[in-house]
């Protein structure tokens, strides 16, 4: 998997990191498939918890990313 354009930010506290991946245009279905692939890769390498948004598994009201605090 190749991710070339992304931005990292500090979340609410120092242990939270938010990564925003730039894409031209994806449907919710396509985004969910790509994020599932990313999530499965993270499962193999990380012990920390994470969340990928948007997600078809969540109601629309919960597909909200919080505003980042500062650029890393």
PDB file of N, CA and C in Angstrom:
ATOM      1  N   UNK A   1       0.844  -1.165   0.000  1.00  0.00           N
ATOM      2  CA  UNK A   1       0.000   0.000   0.000  1.00  0.00           C
ATOM      3  C   UNK A   1       0.892   1.231   0.000  1.00  0.00           C
ATOM      4  N   UNK A   2       0.554   2.175  -0.822  1.00  0.00           N
ATOM      5  CA  UNK A   2       1.357   3.382  -0.933  1.00  0.00           C
ATOM      6  C   UNK A   2       0.509   4.597  -0.553  1.00  0.00           C
ATOM      7  N   UNK A   3       0.918   5.272   0.506  1.00  0.00           N
ATOM      8  CA  UNK A   3       0.252   6.507   0.932  1.00  0.00           C
ATOM      9  C   UNK A   3       1.278   7.617   0.801  1.00  0.00           C
ATOM     10  N   UNK A   4       1.015   8.567  -0.086  1.00  0.00           N
ATOM     11  CA  UNK A   4       2.021   9.599  -0.342  1.00  0.00           C
ATOM     12  C   UNK A   4       1.676  10.942   0.294  1.00  0.00           C
ATOM     13  N   UNK A   5       0.421  11.317   0.296  1.00  0.00           N
ATOM     14  CA  UNK A   5       0.046  12.624   0.845  1.00  0.00           C
ATOM     15  C   UNK A   5      -0.750  12.453   2.128  1.00  0.00           C
ATOM     16  N   UNK A   6      -0.100  12.754   3.243  1.00  0.00           N
ATOM     17  CA  UNK A   6      -0.771  12.668   4.532  1.00  0.00           C
ATOM     18  C   UNK A   6      -0.233  13.757   5.451  1.00  0.00           C
ATOM     19  N   UNK A   7      -1.001  14.057   6.485  1.00  0.00           N
ATOM     20  CA  UNK A   7      -0.625  15.088   7.450  1.00  0.00           C
ATOM     21  C   UNK A   7      -0.849  14.522   8.848  1.00  0.00           C
ATOM     22  N   UNK A   8       0.105  14.750   9.749  1.00  0.00           N
ATOM     23  CA  UNK A   8      -0.016  14.257  11.118  1.00  0.00           C
ATOM     24  C   UNK A   8      -0.181  15.425  12.075  1.00  0.00           C
ATOM     25  N   UNK A   9      -1.051  15.215  13.055  1.00  0.00           N
ATOM     26  CA  UNK A   9      -1.356  16.234  14.048  1.00  0.00           C
ATOM     27  C   UNK A   9      -1.431  15.592  15.416  1.00  0.00           C
ATOM     28  N   UNK A  10      -1.200  16.399  16.443  1.00  0.00           N
ATOM     29  CA  UNK A  10      -1.392  15.950  17.809  1.00  0.00           C
ATOM     30  C   UNK A  10      -2.869  16.046  18.115  1.00  0.00           C
ATOM     31  N   UNK A  11      -3.383  15.041  18.788  1.00  0.00           N
ATOM     32  CA  UNK A  11      -4.782  15.035  19.190  1.00  0.00           C
ATOM     33  C   UNK A  11      -4.974  15.742  20.514  1.00  0.00           C
ATOM     34  N   UNK A  12      -6.005  15.320  21.238  1.00  0.00           N
ATOM     35  CA  UNK A  12      -6.381  15.962  22.503  1.00  0.00           C
ATOM     36  C   UNK A  12      -5.260  15.919  23.539  1.00  0.00           C
ATOM     37  N   UNK A  13      -4.527  14.823  23.588  1.00  0.00           N
ATOM     38  CA  UNK A  13      -3.390  14.736  24.505  1.00  0.00           C
ATOM     39  C   UNK A  13      -2.153  14.270  23.726  1.00  0.00           C
ATOM     40  N   UNK A  14      -1.027  14.221  24.397  1.00  0.00           N
ATOM     41  CA  UNK A  14       0.239  13.913  23.718  1.00  0.00           C
ATOM     42  C   UNK A  14       0.290  12.500  23.147  1.00  0.00           C
ATOM     43  N   UNK A  15      -0.514  11.587  23.691  1.00  0.00           N
ATOM     44  CA  UNK A  15      -0.495  10.205  23.211  1.00  0.00           C
ATOM     45  C   UNK A  15      -1.396   9.982  22.006  1.00  0.00           C
ATOM     46  N   UNK A  16      -2.205  10.953  21.661  1.00  0.00           N
ATOM     47  CA  UNK A  16      -3.110  10.813  20.517  1.00  0.00           C
ATOM     48  C   UNK A  16      -2.507  11.490  19.289  1.00  0.00           C
ATOM     49  N   UNK A  17      -2.490  10.752  18.209  1.00  0.00           N
ATOM     50  CA  UNK A  17      -1.990  11.274  16.944  1.00  0.00           C
ATOM     51  C   UNK A  17      -3.105  11.107  15.914  1.00  0.00           C
ATOM     52  N   UNK A  18      -3.328  12.136  15.138  1.00  0.00           N
ATOM     53  CA  UNK A  18      -4.310  12.073  14.065  1.00  0.00           C
ATOM     54  C   UNK A  18      -3.572  12.141  12.736  1.00  0.00           C
ATOM     55  N   UNK A  19      -3.914  11.237  11.838  1.00  0.00           N
ATOM     56  CA  UNK A  19      -3.309  11.206  10.514  1.00  0.00           C
ATOM     57  C   UNK A  19      -4.426  11.416   9.502  1.00  0.00           C
ATOM     58  N   UNK A  20      -4.286  12.455   8.694  1.00  0.00           N
ATOM     59  CA  UNK A  20      -5.253  12.762   7.645  1.00  0.00           C
ATOM     60  C   UNK A  20      -4.610  12.409   6.311  1.00  0.00           C
ATOM     61  N   UNK A  21      -5.270  11.536   5.559  1.00  0.00           N
ATOM     62  CA  UNK A  21      -4.745  11.072   4.273  1.00  0.00           C
ATOM     63  C   UNK A  21      -5.500  11.790   3.160  1.00  0.00           C
ATOM     64  N   UNK A  22      -4.739  12.447   2.281  1.00  0.00           N
ATOM     65  CA  UNK A  22      -5.358  13.157   1.153  1.00  0.00           C
ATOM     66  C   UNK A  22      -5.750  12.174   0.064  1.00  0.00           C
ATOM     67  N   UNK A  23      -6.964  12.340  -0.439  1.00  0.00           N
ATOM     68  CA  UNK A  23      -7.438  11.572  -1.598  1.00  0.00           C
ATOM     69  C   UNK A  23      -8.195  12.520  -2.512  1.00  0.00           C
ATOM     70  N   UNK A  24      -8.232  12.181  -3.796  1.00  0.00           N
ATOM     71  CA  UNK A  24      -8.968  13.029  -4.734  1.00  0.00           C
ATOM     72  C   UNK A  24     -10.470  12.913  -4.502  1.00  0.00           C
ATOM     73  N   UNK A  25     -11.013  11.736  -4.691  1.00  0.00           N
ATOM     74  CA  UNK A  25     -12.446  11.541  -4.511  1.00  0.00           C
ATOM     75  C   UNK A  25     -12.705  10.045  -4.331  1.00  0.00           C
ATOM     76  N   UNK A  26     -13.340   9.691  -3.235  1.00  0.00           N
ATOM     77  CA  UNK A  26     -13.697   8.301  -2.969  1.00  0.00           C
ATOM     78  C   UNK A  26     -15.133   8.248  -2.467  1.00  0.00           C
ATOM     79  N   UNK A  27     -15.839   7.210  -2.845  1.00  0.00           N
ATOM     80  CA  UNK A  27     -17.161   6.989  -2.258  1.00  0.00           C
ATOM     81  C   UNK A  27     -16.951   6.475  -0.840  1.00  0.00           C
ATOM     82  N   UNK A  28     -17.997   6.499  -0.038  1.00  0.00           N
ATOM     83  CA  UNK A  28     -17.896   5.998   1.331  1.00  0.00           C
ATOM     84  C   UNK A  28     -17.500   4.530   1.316  1.00  0.00           C
ATOM     85  N   UNK A  29     -18.028   3.766   0.389  1.00  0.00           N
ATOM     86  CA  UNK A  29     -17.701   2.345   0.270  1.00  0.00           C
ATOM     87  C   UNK A  29     -16.209   2.153  -0.036  1.00  0.00           C
ATOM     88  N   UNK A  30     -15.683   2.921  -0.995  1.00  0.00           N
ATOM     89  CA  UNK A  30     -14.261   2.818  -1.348  1.00  0.00           C
ATOM     90  C   UNK A  30     -13.370   3.237  -0.180  1.00  0.00           C
ATOM     91  N   UNK A  31     -13.749   4.314   0.490  1.00  0.00           N
ATOM     92  CA  UNK A  31     -12.973   4.782   1.646  1.00  0.00           C
ATOM     93  C   UNK A  31     -12.968   3.740   2.746  1.00  0.00           C
ATOM     94  N   UNK A  32     -14.125   3.118   3.002  1.00  0.00           N
ATOM     95  CA  UNK A  32     -14.219   2.098   4.034  1.00  0.00           C
ATOM     96  C   UNK A  32     -13.324   0.906   3.704  1.00  0.00           C
ATOM     97  N   UNK A  33     -13.292   0.489   2.444  1.00  0.00           N
ATOM     98  CA  UNK A  33     -12.433  -0.629   2.026  1.00  0.00           C
ATOM     99  C   UNK A  33     -10.956  -0.305   2.220  1.00  0.00           C
ATOM    100  N   UNK A  34     -10.545   0.893   1.817  1.00  0.00           N
ATOM    101  CA  UNK A  34      -9.136   1.301   1.972  1.00  0.00           C
ATOM    102  C   UNK A  34      -8.761   1.393   3.450  1.00  0.00           C
ATOM    103  N   UNK A  35      -9.655   1.974   4.256  1.00  0.00           N
ATOM    104  CA  UNK A  35      -9.364   2.123   5.681  1.00  0.00           C
ATOM    105  C   UNK A  35      -9.348   0.784   6.396  1.00  0.00           C
ATOM    106  N   UNK A  36     -10.154  -0.162   5.951  1.00  0.00           N
ATOM    107  CA  UNK A  36     -10.112  -1.504   6.517  1.00  0.00           C
ATOM    108  C   UNK A  36      -8.761  -2.149   6.226  1.00  0.00           C
ATOM    109  N   UNK A  37      -8.245  -1.933   5.040  1.00  0.00           N
ATOM    110  CA  UNK A  37      -6.920  -2.438   4.672  1.00  0.00           C
ATOM    111  C   UNK A  37      -5.835  -1.812   5.562  1.00  0.00           C
ATOM    112  N   UNK A  38      -5.937  -0.510   5.781  1.00  0.00           N
ATOM    113  CA  UNK A  38      -4.980   0.185   6.660  1.00  0.00           C
ATOM    114  C   UNK A  38      -5.100  -0.348   8.082  1.00  0.00           C
ATOM    115  N   UNK A  39      -6.325  -0.496   8.561  1.00  0.00           N
ATOM    116  CA  UNK A  39      -6.553  -0.980   9.918  1.00  0.00           C
ATOM    117  C   UNK A  39      -5.991  -2.387  10.108  1.00  0.00           C
ATOM    118  N   UNK A  40      -6.177  -3.251   9.129  1.00  0.00           N
ATOM    119  CA  UNK A  40      -5.633  -4.609   9.215  1.00  0.00           C
ATOM    120  C   UNK A  40      -4.109  -4.599   9.251  1.00  0.00           C
ATOM    121  N   UNK A  41      -3.482  -3.681   8.529  1.00  0.00           N
ATOM    122  CA  UNK A  41      -2.025  -3.547   8.575  1.00  0.00           C
ATOM    123  C   UNK A  41      -1.574  -3.062   9.950  1.00  0.00           C
ATOM    124  N   UNK A  42      -2.319  -2.139  10.525  1.00  0.00           N
ATOM    125  CA  UNK A  42      -1.970  -1.632  11.858  1.00  0.00           C
ATOM    126  C   UNK A  42      -2.101  -2.725  12.915  1.00  0.00           C
ATOM    127  N   UNK A  43      -3.090  -3.587  12.785  1.00  0.00           N
ATOM    128  CA  UNK A  43      -3.286  -4.688  13.741  1.00  0.00           C
ATOM    129  C   UNK A  43      -2.046  -5.563  13.838  1.00  0.00           C
ATOM    130  N   UNK A  44      -1.353  -5.736  12.738  1.00  0.00           N
ATOM    131  CA  UNK A  44      -0.177  -6.594  12.719  1.00  0.00           C
ATOM    132  C   UNK A  44       1.026  -5.945  13.380  1.00  0.00           C
ATOM    133  N   UNK A  45       1.016  -4.609  13.526  1.00  0.00           N
ATOM    134  CA  UNK A  45       2.223  -3.913  13.974  1.00  0.00           C
ATOM    135  C   UNK A  45       2.068  -3.124  15.271  1.00  0.00           C
ATOM    136  N   UNK A  46       0.831  -2.828  15.680  1.00  0.00           N
ATOM    137  CA  UNK A  46       0.629  -1.963  16.845  1.00  0.00           C
ATOM    138  C   UNK A  46      -0.159  -2.656  17.945  1.00  0.00           C
ATOM    139  N   UNK A  47       0.131  -2.276  19.181  1.00  0.00           N
ATOM    140  CA  UNK A  47      -0.666  -2.760  20.307  1.00  0.00           C
ATOM    141  C   UNK A  47      -1.628  -1.673  20.793  1.00  0.00           C
ATOM    142  N   UNK A  48      -1.450  -0.449  20.325  1.00  0.00           N
ATOM    143  CA  UNK A  48      -2.317   0.662  20.716  1.00  0.00           C
ATOM    144  C   UNK A  48      -3.654   0.576  19.989  1.00  0.00           C
ATOM    145  N   UNK A  49      -4.641   1.313  20.491  1.00  0.00           N
ATOM    146  CA  UNK A  49      -5.946   1.373  19.840  1.00  0.00           C
ATOM    147  C   UNK A  49      -5.953   2.487  18.814  1.00  0.00           C
ATOM    148  N   UNK A  50      -6.801   2.369  17.794  1.00  0.00           N
ATOM    149  CA  UNK A  50      -6.956   3.396  16.772  1.00  0.00           C
ATOM    150  C   UNK A  50      -8.368   3.340  16.228  1.00  0.00           C
ATOM    151  N   UNK A  51      -8.706   4.369  15.506  1.00  0.00           N
ATOM    152  CA  UNK A  51     -10.009   4.455  14.864  1.00  0.00           C
ATOM    153  C   UNK A  51      -9.799   5.041  13.481  1.00  0.00           C
ATOM    154  N   UNK A  52     -10.447   4.452  12.487  1.00  0.00           N
ATOM    155  CA  UNK A  52     -10.377   4.945  11.115  1.00  0.00           C
ATOM    156  C   UNK A  52     -11.739   5.526  10.731  1.00  0.00           C
ATOM    157  N   UNK A  53     -11.728   6.731  10.223  1.00  0.00           N
ATOM    158  CA  UNK A  53     -12.975   7.378   9.796  1.00  0.00           C
ATOM    159  C   UNK A  53     -12.844   7.845   8.368  1.00  0.00           C
ATOM    160  N   UNK A  54     -13.862   7.798   7.560  1.00  0.00           N
ATOM    161  CA  UNK A  54     -15.229   7.373   7.865  1.00  0.00           C
ATOM    162  C   UNK A  54     -15.330   5.855   7.888  1.00  0.00           C
ATOM    163  N   UNK A  55     -16.404   5.367   8.538  1.00  0.00           N
ATOM    164  CA  UNK A  55     -16.636   3.937   8.646  1.00  0.00           C
ATOM    165  C   UNK A  55     -18.107   3.648   8.398  1.00  0.00           C
ATOM    166  N   UNK A  56     -18.366   2.671   7.550  1.00  0.00           N
ATOM    167  CA  UNK A  56     -19.748   2.264   7.290  1.00  0.00           C
ATOM    168  C   UNK A  56     -20.364   1.640   8.531  1.00  0.00           C
ATOM    169  N   UNK A  57     -19.539   1.077   9.408  1.00  0.00           N
ATOM    170  CA  UNK A  57     -20.024   0.412  10.613  1.00  0.00           C
ATOM    171  C   UNK A  57     -20.576   1.396  11.643  1.00  0.00           C
ATOM    172  N   UNK A  58     -20.244   2.675  11.519  1.00  0.00           N
ATOM    173  CA  UNK A  58     -20.707   3.689  12.472  1.00  0.00           C
ATOM    174  C   UNK A  58     -21.865   4.491  11.888  1.00  0.00           C
ATOM    175  N   UNK A  59     -22.786   4.936  12.747  1.00  0.00           N
ATOM    176  CA  UNK A  59     -23.818   5.856  12.250  1.00  0.00           C
ATOM    177  C   UNK A  59     -23.172   7.152  11.770  1.00  0.00           C
ATOM    178  N   UNK A  60     -23.810   7.847  10.861  1.00  0.00           N
ATOM    179  CA  UNK A  60     -23.259   9.087  10.304  1.00  0.00           C
ATOM    180  C   UNK A  60     -22.902  10.077  11.403  1.00  0.00           C
ATOM    181  N   UNK A  61     -23.704  10.149  12.454  1.00  0.00           N
ATOM    182  CA  UNK A  61     -23.445  11.084  13.547  1.00  0.00           C
ATOM    183  C   UNK A  61     -22.135  10.797  14.275  1.00  0.00           C
ATOM    184  N   UNK A  62     -21.610   9.570  14.166  1.00  0.00           N
ATOM    185  CA  UNK A  62     -20.359   9.211  14.837  1.00  0.00           C
ATOM    186  C   UNK A  62     -19.159   9.247  13.901  1.00  0.00           C
ATOM    187  N   UNK A  63     -19.360   9.530  12.631  1.00  0.00           N
ATOM    188  CA  UNK A  63     -18.258   9.634  11.671  1.00  0.00           C
ATOM    189  C   UNK A  63     -17.699  11.051  11.657  1.00  0.00           C
ATOM    190  N   UNK A  64     -17.274  11.487  12.822  1.00  0.00           N
ATOM    191  CA  UNK A  64     -16.785  12.860  12.968  1.00  0.00           C
ATOM    192  C   UNK A  64     -15.368  12.818  13.556  1.00  0.00           C
ATOM    193  N   UNK A  65     -14.442  13.430  12.860  1.00  0.00           N
ATOM    194  CA  UNK A  65     -13.080  13.545  13.386  1.00  0.00           C
ATOM    195  C   UNK A  65     -12.993  14.811  14.234  1.00  0.00           C
ATOM    196  N   UNK A  66     -12.316  14.734  15.360  1.00  0.00           N
ATOM    197  CA  UNK A  66     -12.131  15.927  16.183  1.00  0.00           C
ATOM    198  C   UNK A  66     -11.090  16.825  15.548  1.00  0.00           C
ATOM    199  N   UNK A  67     -11.141  18.086  15.857  1.00  0.00           N
ATOM    200  CA  UNK A  67     -10.172  19.030  15.312  1.00  0.00           C
ATOM    201  C   UNK A  67      -8.799  18.767  15.921  1.00  0.00           C
ATOM    202  N   UNK A  68      -7.752  18.803  15.120  1.00  0.00           N
ATOM    203  CA  UNK A  68      -6.411  18.568  15.640  1.00  0.00           C
ATOM    204  C   UNK A  68      -5.928  19.765  16.467  1.00  0.00           C
ATOM    205  N   UNK A  69      -4.983  19.507  17.351  1.00  0.00           N
ATOM    206  CA  UNK A  69      -4.460  20.556  18.216  1.00  0.00           C
ATOM    207  C   UNK A  69      -3.244  21.256  17.620  1.00  0.00           C
ATOM    208  N   UNK A  70      -2.296  20.483  17.090  1.00  0.00           N
ATOM    209  CA  UNK A  70      -1.137  21.112  16.451  1.00  0.00           C
ATOM    210  C   UNK A  70      -0.501  20.148  15.462  1.00  0.00           C
ATOM    211  N   UNK A  71       0.163  20.692  14.463  1.00  0.00           N
ATOM    212  CA  UNK A  71       0.816  19.886  13.423  1.00  0.00           C
ATOM    213  C   UNK A  71       2.092  19.273  13.996  1.00  0.00           C
ATOM    214  N   UNK A  72       2.326  18.021  13.667  1.00  0.00           N
ATOM    215  CA  UNK A  72       3.547  17.343  14.121  1.00  0.00           C
ATOM    216  C   UNK A  72       4.561  17.295  13.009  1.00  0.00           C
TER     217      UNK A  72
END
